[in-house]
Amino acid sequence: MKYLRLMFIVFGFSVFILSCTKKPTLKDSTTVTKTDQQVKTSVDMDVFNDCPMEGDAVKQNVRQLNLLKNRYSFPQSSDFNHDITLQKLLNPGNDANRWNTYQAAEITGYIYDVKPGGVETCNCKTKDIEKRDTHIEMVLNPMQSGSTQRVIVEVTPRFRKLMSDKNINWTTRGIRDAFLGRWVKVQGWMFFDSEHDDEAENTNPGRPRNWRGTAWEIHPVTSMEVVQKPKLPV
């Protein structure tokens, strides 16, 4: 009997200790360890504007490119390659293998132009401007803005929606009004647009009709912020 009574006392004390120990919930863990910029959105946008992630491309290689263009997760801090700058994106030489499409980057430059993206398979060839990408051209110096000195960054319809949910206007018109002609810090996923590598100076040097410095882009853009003008090289 004494042994049995001792067992009940030990059991009751164990229950008391467990009840006083708060187990972290998934919500607590997420709140403590991840910021809003780090967590993948809980909204399912694999199909958005009636268009899947791979768009309506027929060729497999283009379907794979579209899957990268249409990513809608925010990069985590560990995804960023802090060696990437606007200057390094424009450094001459064949750069097809210079970076990685699963890295994120933060670059700062001058917004030279903002316009609607083209009719593309990634957006199922829609002609609706607000369902297409926003094409943004960045340069190191507004006084040196030739076509082969520009880097392309793009806002996608999925991220436009995510920003709209936060009352941030990322329509093409809204971006143009907020950022055109300003110095801006841009974050997002690295993307090599092999559909345009024959029109980029780094991968097809000297071609008269080149309209970009590199086929590398930040696409999709996940953050844009106006900053002070940096000190430019003399």
C-alpha atoms as a PDB file:
ATOM      1  CA  MET A   1       0.000   0.000   0.000  1.00  0.00           C
ATOM      2  CA  LYS A   2       2.826   2.377   0.875  1.00  0.00           C
ATOM      3  CA  TYR A   3       4.488   1.617  -2.471  1.00  0.00           C
ATOM      4  CA  LEU A   4       1.237   2.272  -4.351  1.00  0.00           C
ATOM      5  CA  ARG A   5       0.731   5.578  -2.526  1.00  0.00           C
ATOM      6  CA  LEU A   6       4.260   6.627  -3.471  1.00  0.00           C
ATOM      7  CA  MET A   7       3.554   5.869  -7.156  1.00  0.00           C
ATOM      8  CA  PHE A   8       0.428   8.090  -7.082  1.00  0.00           C
ATOM      9  CA  ILE A   9       2.422  10.936  -5.536  1.00  0.00           C
ATOM     10  CA  VAL A  10       5.142  10.671  -8.212  1.00  0.00           C
ATOM     11  CA  PHE A  11       2.543  10.487 -11.010  1.00  0.00           C
ATOM     12  CA  GLY A  12       0.663  13.540  -9.697  1.00  0.00           C
ATOM     13  CA  PHE A  13       3.866  15.560  -9.394  1.00  0.00           C
ATOM     14  CA  SER A  14       4.821  14.659 -13.020  1.00  0.00           C
ATOM     15  CA  VAL A  15       1.428  15.808 -14.314  1.00  0.00           C
ATOM     16  CA  PHE A  16       1.818  19.087 -12.419  1.00  0.00           C
ATOM     17  CA  ILE A  17       5.272  19.725 -13.936  1.00  0.00           C
ATOM     18  CA  LEU A  18       4.031  18.993 -17.471  1.00  0.00           C
ATOM     19  CA  SER A  19       1.036  21.281 -17.066  1.00  0.00           C
ATOM     20  CA  CYS A  20       3.324  24.133 -16.062  1.00  0.00           C
ATOM     21  CA  THR A  21       5.553  23.689 -19.101  1.00  0.00           C
ATOM     22  CA  LYS A  22       4.176  25.606 -22.113  1.00  0.00           C
ATOM     23  CA  LYS A  23       4.760  23.785 -25.341  1.00  0.00           C
ATOM     24  CA  PRO A  24       5.430  26.130 -28.286  1.00  0.00           C
ATOM     25  CA  THR A  25       2.692  26.039 -30.903  1.00  0.00           C
ATOM     26  CA  LEU A  26       3.255  26.373 -34.652  1.00  0.00           C
ATOM     27  CA  LYS A  27       1.884  29.907 -34.447  1.00  0.00           C
ATOM     28  CA  ASP A  28       4.332  30.846 -31.685  1.00  0.00           C
ATOM     29  CA  SER A  29       7.260  29.352 -33.591  1.00  0.00           C
ATOM     30  CA  THR A  30       6.357  31.161 -36.787  1.00  0.00           C
ATOM     31  CA  THR A  31       5.922  34.472 -35.002  1.00  0.00           C
ATOM     32  CA  VAL A  32       9.223  34.243 -33.172  1.00  0.00           C
ATOM     33  CA  THR A  33      11.493  32.868 -35.869  1.00  0.00           C
ATOM     34  CA  LYS A  34      10.173  34.269 -39.142  1.00  0.00           C
ATOM     35  CA  THR A  35       9.354  37.729 -40.374  1.00  0.00           C
ATOM     36  CA  ASP A  36       6.664  38.678 -42.841  1.00  0.00           C
ATOM     37  CA  GLN A  37       9.292  38.943 -45.585  1.00  0.00           C
ATOM     38  CA  GLN A  38      10.593  35.424 -44.903  1.00  0.00           C
ATOM     39  CA  VAL A  39       7.526  33.211 -44.838  1.00  0.00           C
ATOM     40  CA  LYS A  40       5.949  31.796 -47.971  1.00  0.00           C
ATOM     41  CA  THR A  41       2.525  33.273 -48.422  1.00  0.00           C
ATOM     42  CA  SER A  42      -0.291  31.054 -47.212  1.00  0.00           C
ATOM     43  CA  VAL A  43      -2.388  32.189 -50.185  1.00  0.00           C
ATOM     44  CA  ASP A  44      -2.452  29.582 -52.941  1.00  0.00           C
ATOM     45  CA  MET A  45      -1.598  31.343 -56.206  1.00  0.00           C
ATOM     46  CA  ASP A  46      -0.360  28.368 -58.194  1.00  0.00           C
ATOM     47  CA  VAL A  47      -3.222  29.279 -60.527  1.00  0.00           C
ATOM     48  CA  PHE A  48      -3.731  33.049 -60.754  1.00  0.00           C
ATOM     49  CA  ASN A  49      -5.846  34.996 -63.240  1.00  0.00           C
ATOM     50  CA  ASP A  50      -6.780  31.563 -64.632  1.00  0.00           C
ATOM     51  CA  CYS A  51      -3.130  30.996 -65.512  1.00  0.00           C
ATOM     52  CA  PRO A  52      -0.955  28.232 -63.981  1.00  0.00           C
ATOM     53  CA  MET A  53       2.636  28.706 -62.839  1.00  0.00           C
ATOM     54  CA  GLU A  54       4.031  27.386 -66.125  1.00  0.00           C
ATOM     55  CA  GLY A  55       1.727  29.658 -68.147  1.00  0.00           C
ATOM     56  CA  ASP A  56       0.557  28.363 -71.497  1.00  0.00           C
ATOM     57  CA  ALA A  57       4.004  27.603 -72.916  1.00  0.00           C
ATOM     58  CA  VAL A  58       4.325  24.505 -75.070  1.00  0.00           C
ATOM     59  CA  LYS A  59       8.107  24.037 -75.030  1.00  0.00           C
ATOM     60  CA  GLN A  60       9.377  22.380 -71.862  1.00  0.00           C
ATOM     61  CA  ASN A  61      12.323  24.766 -71.419  1.00  0.00           C
ATOM     62  CA  VAL A  62       9.991  27.778 -71.555  1.00  0.00           C
ATOM     63  CA  ARG A  63       7.612  26.119 -69.099  1.00  0.00           C
ATOM     64  CA  GLN A  64      10.545  25.762 -66.703  1.00  0.00           C
ATOM     65  CA  LEU A  65      11.446  29.438 -67.148  1.00  0.00           C
ATOM     66  CA  ASN A  66       7.854  30.435 -66.417  1.00  0.00           C
ATOM     67  CA  LEU A  67       7.865  28.455 -63.170  1.00  0.00           C
ATOM     68  CA  LEU A  68      10.787  30.627 -62.016  1.00  0.00           C
ATOM     69  CA  LYS A  69       9.218  33.873 -63.223  1.00  0.00           C
ATOM     70  CA  ASN A  70       5.978  33.131 -61.388  1.00  0.00           C
ATOM     71  CA  ARG A  71       7.452  32.283 -57.987  1.00  0.00           C
ATOM     72  CA  TYR A  72       5.508  33.995 -55.226  1.00  0.00           C
ATOM     73  CA  SER A  73       7.500  33.204 -52.076  1.00  0.00           C
ATOM     74  CA  PHE A  74       9.554  35.864 -50.317  1.00  0.00           C
ATOM     75  CA  PRO A  75      13.267  35.004 -50.127  1.00  0.00           C
ATOM     76  CA  GLN A  76      14.709  34.273 -46.702  1.00  0.00           C
ATOM     77  CA  SER A  77      17.848  36.032 -45.515  1.00  0.00           C
ATOM     78  CA  SER A  78      19.883  32.888 -46.251  1.00  0.00           C
ATOM     79  CA  ASP A  79      18.808  33.052 -49.927  1.00  0.00           C
ATOM     80  CA  PHE A  80      20.557  36.378 -50.569  1.00  0.00           C
ATOM     81  CA  ASN A  81      23.895  36.490 -52.330  1.00  0.00           C
ATOM     82  CA  HIS A  82      25.285  39.771 -51.026  1.00  0.00           C
ATOM     83  CA  ASP A  83      28.066  39.703 -53.601  1.00  0.00           C
ATOM     84  CA  ILE A  84      25.562  40.636 -56.322  1.00  0.00           C
ATOM     85  CA  THR A  85      25.370  44.345 -57.159  1.00  0.00           C
ATOM     86  CA  LEU A  86      24.082  46.303 -60.129  1.00  0.00           C
ATOM     87  CA  GLN A  87      27.673  47.021 -61.150  1.00  0.00           C
ATOM     88  CA  LYS A  88      28.573  43.323 -61.064  1.00  0.00           C
ATOM     89  CA  LEU A  89      25.495  42.400 -63.087  1.00  0.00           C
ATOM     90  CA  LEU A  90      26.774  44.745 -65.797  1.00  0.00           C
ATOM     91  CA  ASN A  91      30.387  43.578 -65.692  1.00  0.00           C
ATOM     92  CA  PRO A  92      31.308  42.446 -69.228  1.00  0.00           C
ATOM     93  CA  GLY A  93      31.920  38.863 -70.237  1.00  0.00           C
ATOM     94  CA  ASN A  94      29.765  35.798 -70.809  1.00  0.00           C
ATOM     95  CA  ASP A  95      27.778  35.674 -67.576  1.00  0.00           C
ATOM     96  CA  ALA A  96      25.382  32.799 -68.270  1.00  0.00           C
ATOM     97  CA  ASN A  97      26.824  30.810 -65.355  1.00  0.00           C
ATOM     98  CA  ARG A  98      27.896  33.741 -63.190  1.00  0.00           C
ATOM     99  CA  TRP A  99      24.934  33.568 -60.803  1.00  0.00           C
ATOM    100  CA  ASN A 100      22.292  31.100 -59.634  1.00  0.00           C
ATOM    101  CA  THR A 101      18.535  31.245 -60.247  1.00  0.00           C
ATOM    102  CA  TYR A 102      17.853  30.017 -56.711  1.00  0.00           C
ATOM    103  CA  GLN A 103      19.632  32.972 -55.162  1.00  0.00           C
ATOM    104  CA  ALA A 104      18.076  36.285 -54.187  1.00  0.00           C
ATOM    105  CA  ALA A 105      19.740  39.675 -54.567  1.00  0.00           C
ATOM    106  CA  GLU A 106      19.496  43.285 -53.435  1.00  0.00           C
ATOM    107  CA  ILE A 107      20.652  45.946 -55.885  1.00  0.00           C
ATOM    108  CA  THR A 108      20.465  49.736 -55.909  1.00  0.00           C
ATOM    109  CA  GLY A 109      20.234  51.897 -59.003  1.00  0.00           C
ATOM    110  CA  TYR A 110      18.383  54.597 -60.892  1.00  0.00           C
ATOM    111  CA  ILE A 111      15.004  53.716 -62.414  1.00  0.00           C
ATOM    112  CA  TYR A 112      15.330  54.721 -66.042  1.00  0.00           C
ATOM    113  CA  ASP A 113      12.033  53.363 -67.348  1.00  0.00           C
ATOM    114  CA  VAL A 114       8.849  51.620 -66.218  1.00  0.00           C
ATOM    115  CA  LYS A 115       6.386  50.120 -68.689  1.00  0.00           C
ATOM    116  CA  PRO A 116       3.996  47.208 -69.155  1.00  0.00           C
ATOM    117  CA  GLY A 117       5.645  43.910 -69.979  1.00  0.00           C
ATOM    118  CA  GLY A 118       4.963  42.191 -73.268  1.00  0.00           C
ATOM    119  CA  VAL A 119       2.346  39.590 -74.113  1.00  0.00           C
ATOM    120  CA  GLU A 120       4.100  36.478 -72.789  1.00  0.00           C
ATOM    121  CA  THR A 121       3.422  32.806 -72.163  1.00  0.00           C
ATOM    122  CA  CYS A 122       4.160  33.233 -68.430  1.00  0.00           C
ATOM    123  CA  ASN A 123       0.890  35.177 -68.177  1.00  0.00           C
ATOM    124  CA  CYS A 124      -0.964  33.011 -70.709  1.00  0.00           C
ATOM    125  CA  LYS A 125      -0.561  35.694 -73.399  1.00  0.00           C
ATOM    126  CA  THR A 126      -3.083  38.007 -71.786  1.00  0.00           C
ATOM    127  CA  LYS A 127      -3.455  41.442 -73.347  1.00  0.00           C
ATOM    128  CA  ASP A 128      -4.727  42.937 -70.075  1.00  0.00           C
ATOM    129  CA  ILE A 129      -1.923  45.212 -68.838  1.00  0.00           C
ATOM    130  CA  GLU A 130      -2.697  44.599 -65.153  1.00  0.00           C
ATOM    131  CA  LYS A 131      -2.369  40.842 -65.683  1.00  0.00           C
ATOM    132  CA  ARG A 132       1.059  41.218 -67.267  1.00  0.00           C
ATOM    133  CA  ASP A 133       4.478  41.826 -65.726  1.00  0.00           C
ATOM    134  CA  THR A 134       5.766  45.339 -65.132  1.00  0.00           C
ATOM    135  CA  HIS A 135       9.069  45.868 -66.982  1.00  0.00           C
ATOM    136  CA  ILE A 136      11.524  48.098 -65.074  1.00  0.00           C
ATOM    137  CA  GLU A 137      14.913  49.247 -66.385  1.00  0.00           C
ATOM    138  CA  MET A 138      17.686  50.141 -63.906  1.00  0.00           C
ATOM    139  CA  VAL A 139      20.978  51.904 -64.630  1.00  0.00           C
ATOM    140  CA  LEU A 140      24.040  52.799 -62.586  1.00  0.00           C
ATOM    141  CA  ASN A 141      23.984  56.424 -63.684  1.00  0.00           C
ATOM    142  CA  PRO A 142      21.184  58.389 -65.391  1.00  0.00           C
ATOM    143  CA  MET A 143      23.864  60.109 -67.505  1.00  0.00           C
ATOM    144  CA  GLN A 144      25.042  56.725 -68.797  1.00  0.00           C
ATOM    145  CA  SER A 145      21.836  54.983 -69.734  1.00  0.00           C
ATOM    146  CA  GLY A 146      22.521  53.448 -73.125  1.00  0.00           C
ATOM    147  CA  SER A 147      20.531  50.338 -73.955  1.00  0.00           C
ATOM    148  CA  THR A 148      23.430  48.005 -73.199  1.00  0.00           C
ATOM    149  CA  GLN A 149      23.905  49.580 -69.751  1.00  0.00           C
ATOM    150  CA  ARG A 150      20.493  48.591 -68.420  1.00  0.00           C
ATOM    151  CA  VAL A 151      19.412  45.762 -66.115  1.00  0.00           C
ATOM    152  CA  ILE A 152      15.826  44.532 -66.226  1.00  0.00           C
ATOM    153  CA  VAL A 153      13.813  43.823 -63.078  1.00  0.00           C
ATOM    154  CA  GLU A 154      10.172  42.740 -63.192  1.00  0.00           C
ATOM    155  CA  VAL A 155       7.129  42.868 -60.954  1.00  0.00           C
ATOM    156  CA  THR A 156       4.721  40.001 -61.583  1.00  0.00           C
ATOM    157  CA  PRO A 157       0.925  39.886 -61.221  1.00  0.00           C
ATOM    158  CA  ARG A 158       1.209  37.543 -58.246  1.00  0.00           C
ATOM    159  CA  PHE A 159       3.415  39.947 -56.283  1.00  0.00           C
ATOM    160  CA  ARG A 160       1.228  42.840 -57.410  1.00  0.00           C
ATOM    161  CA  LYS A 161      -1.644  41.038 -55.655  1.00  0.00           C
ATOM    162  CA  LEU A 162       0.425  40.364 -52.515  1.00  0.00           C
ATOM    163  CA  MET A 163       1.329  44.063 -52.312  1.00  0.00           C
ATOM    164  CA  SER A 164      -2.257  45.121 -52.975  1.00  0.00           C
ATOM    165  CA  ASP A 165      -3.314  43.056 -49.952  1.00  0.00           C
ATOM    166  CA  LYS A 166      -0.985  45.313 -47.916  1.00  0.00           C
ATOM    167  CA  ASN A 167      -2.442  48.467 -49.523  1.00  0.00           C
ATOM    168  CA  ILE A 168       0.717  48.961 -51.618  1.00  0.00           C
ATOM    169  CA  ASN A 169       0.119  50.022 -55.212  1.00  0.00           C
ATOM    170  CA  TRP A 170       2.272  47.916 -57.528  1.00  0.00           C
ATOM    171  CA  THR A 171       0.268  48.493 -60.663  1.00  0.00           C
ATOM    172  CA  THR A 172       2.443  49.594 -63.570  1.00  0.00           C
ATOM    173  CA  ARG A 173       1.050  53.106 -63.176  1.00  0.00           C
ATOM    174  CA  GLY A 174       1.623  53.040 -59.428  1.00  0.00           C
ATOM    175  CA  ILE A 175       5.226  51.868 -59.796  1.00  0.00           C
ATOM    176  CA  ARG A 176       5.897  54.488 -62.458  1.00  0.00           C
ATOM    177  CA  ASP A 177       4.535  57.251 -60.234  1.00  0.00           C
ATOM    178  CA  ALA A 178       6.456  56.084 -57.151  1.00  0.00           C
ATOM    179  CA  PHE A 179       9.830  55.062 -58.587  1.00  0.00           C
ATOM    180  CA  LEU A 180      10.514  56.432 -62.088  1.00  0.00           C
ATOM    181  CA  GLY A 181      13.468  58.839 -62.040  1.00  0.00           C
ATOM    182  CA  ARG A 182      14.438  57.888 -58.484  1.00  0.00           C
ATOM    183  CA  TRP A 183      17.184  55.902 -56.810  1.00  0.00           C
ATOM    184  CA  VAL A 184      15.702  52.640 -55.631  1.00  0.00           C
ATOM    185  CA  LYS A 185      16.774  49.553 -53.698  1.00  0.00           C
ATOM    186  CA  VAL A 186      15.277  46.421 -55.230  1.00  0.00           C
ATOM    187  CA  GLN A 187      15.127  42.918 -53.781  1.00  0.00           C
ATOM    188  CA  GLY A 188      13.984  39.696 -55.383  1.00  0.00           C
ATOM    189  CA  TRP A 189      14.856  36.410 -57.025  1.00  0.00           C
ATOM    190  CA  MET A 190      17.646  36.043 -59.575  1.00  0.00           C
ATOM    191  CA  PHE A 191      16.529  34.883 -63.004  1.00  0.00           C
ATOM    192  CA  PHE A 192      18.442  34.274 -66.239  1.00  0.00           C
ATOM    193  CA  ASP A 193      16.146  35.032 -69.172  1.00  0.00           C
ATOM    194  CA  SER A 194      17.600  32.737 -71.795  1.00  0.00           C
ATOM    195  CA  GLU A 195      14.887  33.836 -74.232  1.00  0.00           C
ATOM    196  CA  HIS A 196      16.769  37.162 -74.461  1.00  0.00           C
ATOM    197  CA  ASP A 197      20.399  36.120 -74.075  1.00  0.00           C
ATOM    198  CA  ASP A 198      20.984  36.815 -77.780  1.00  0.00           C
ATOM    199  CA  GLU A 199      19.875  40.421 -77.183  1.00  0.00           C
ATOM    200  CA  ALA A 200      22.137  41.087 -74.177  1.00  0.00           C
ATOM    201  CA  GLU A 201      25.580  42.654 -74.455  1.00  0.00           C
ATOM    202  CA  ASN A 202      27.248  40.205 -72.059  1.00  0.00           C
ATOM    203  CA  THR A 203      26.183  37.067 -73.903  1.00  0.00           C
ATOM    204  CA  ASN A 204      26.090  38.482 -77.430  1.00  0.00           C
ATOM    205  CA  PRO A 205      28.583  41.379 -77.436  1.00  0.00           C
ATOM    206  CA  GLY A 206      28.556  43.940 -80.200  1.00  0.00           C
ATOM    207  CA  ARG A 207      25.164  43.093 -81.669  1.00  0.00           C
ATOM    208  CA  PRO A 208      23.755  46.413 -82.932  1.00  0.00           C
ATOM    209  CA  ARG A 209      20.225  45.673 -81.737  1.00  0.00           C
ATOM    210  CA  ASN A 210      21.128  44.649 -78.183  1.00  0.00           C
ATOM    211  CA  TRP A 211      18.735  46.360 -75.765  1.00  0.00           C
ATOM    212  CA  ARG A 212      20.054  45.183 -72.404  1.00  0.00           C
ATOM    213  CA  GLY A 213      23.359  44.685 -70.635  1.00  0.00           C
ATOM    214  CA  THR A 214      22.703  41.189 -69.314  1.00  0.00           C
ATOM    215  CA  ALA A 215      20.111  38.446 -69.544  1.00  0.00           C
ATOM    216  CA  TRP A 216      20.171  38.253 -65.738  1.00  0.00           C
ATOM    217  CA  GLU A 217      17.201  39.897 -64.050  1.00  0.00           C
ATOM    218  CA  ILE A 218      15.606  40.251 -60.662  1.00  0.00           C
ATOM    219  CA  HIS A 219      12.352  38.509 -61.491  1.00  0.00           C
ATOM    220  CA  PRO A 220      10.135  38.511 -59.550  1.00  0.00           C
ATOM    221  CA  VAL A 221      10.827  41.663 -57.540  1.00  0.00           C
ATOM    222  CA  THR A 222       9.766  41.199 -53.913  1.00  0.00           C
ATOM    223  CA  SER A 223      10.630  44.636 -52.451  1.00  0.00           C
ATOM    224  CA  MET A 224      11.199  48.187 -53.735  1.00  0.00           C
ATOM    225  CA  GLU A 225      12.305  51.176 -51.674  1.00  0.00           C
ATOM    226  CA  VAL A 226      13.334  54.721 -52.609  1.00  0.00           C
ATOM    227  CA  VAL A 227      16.784  55.551 -51.239  1.00  0.00           C
ATOM    228  CA  GLN A 228      19.158  58.496 -51.237  1.00  0.00           C
ATOM    229  CA  LYS A 229      21.314  59.085 -54.273  1.00  0.00           C
ATOM    230  CA  PRO A 230      24.583  57.172 -53.848  1.00  0.00           C
ATOM    231  CA  LYS A 231      27.979  58.722 -54.439  1.00  0.00           C
ATOM    232  CA  LEU A 232      28.742  58.131 -58.093  1.00  0.00           C
ATOM    233  CA  PRO A 233      32.218  57.325 -59.401  1.00  0.00           C
ATOM    234  CA  VAL A 234      33.993  60.335 -60.946  1.00  0.00           C
END
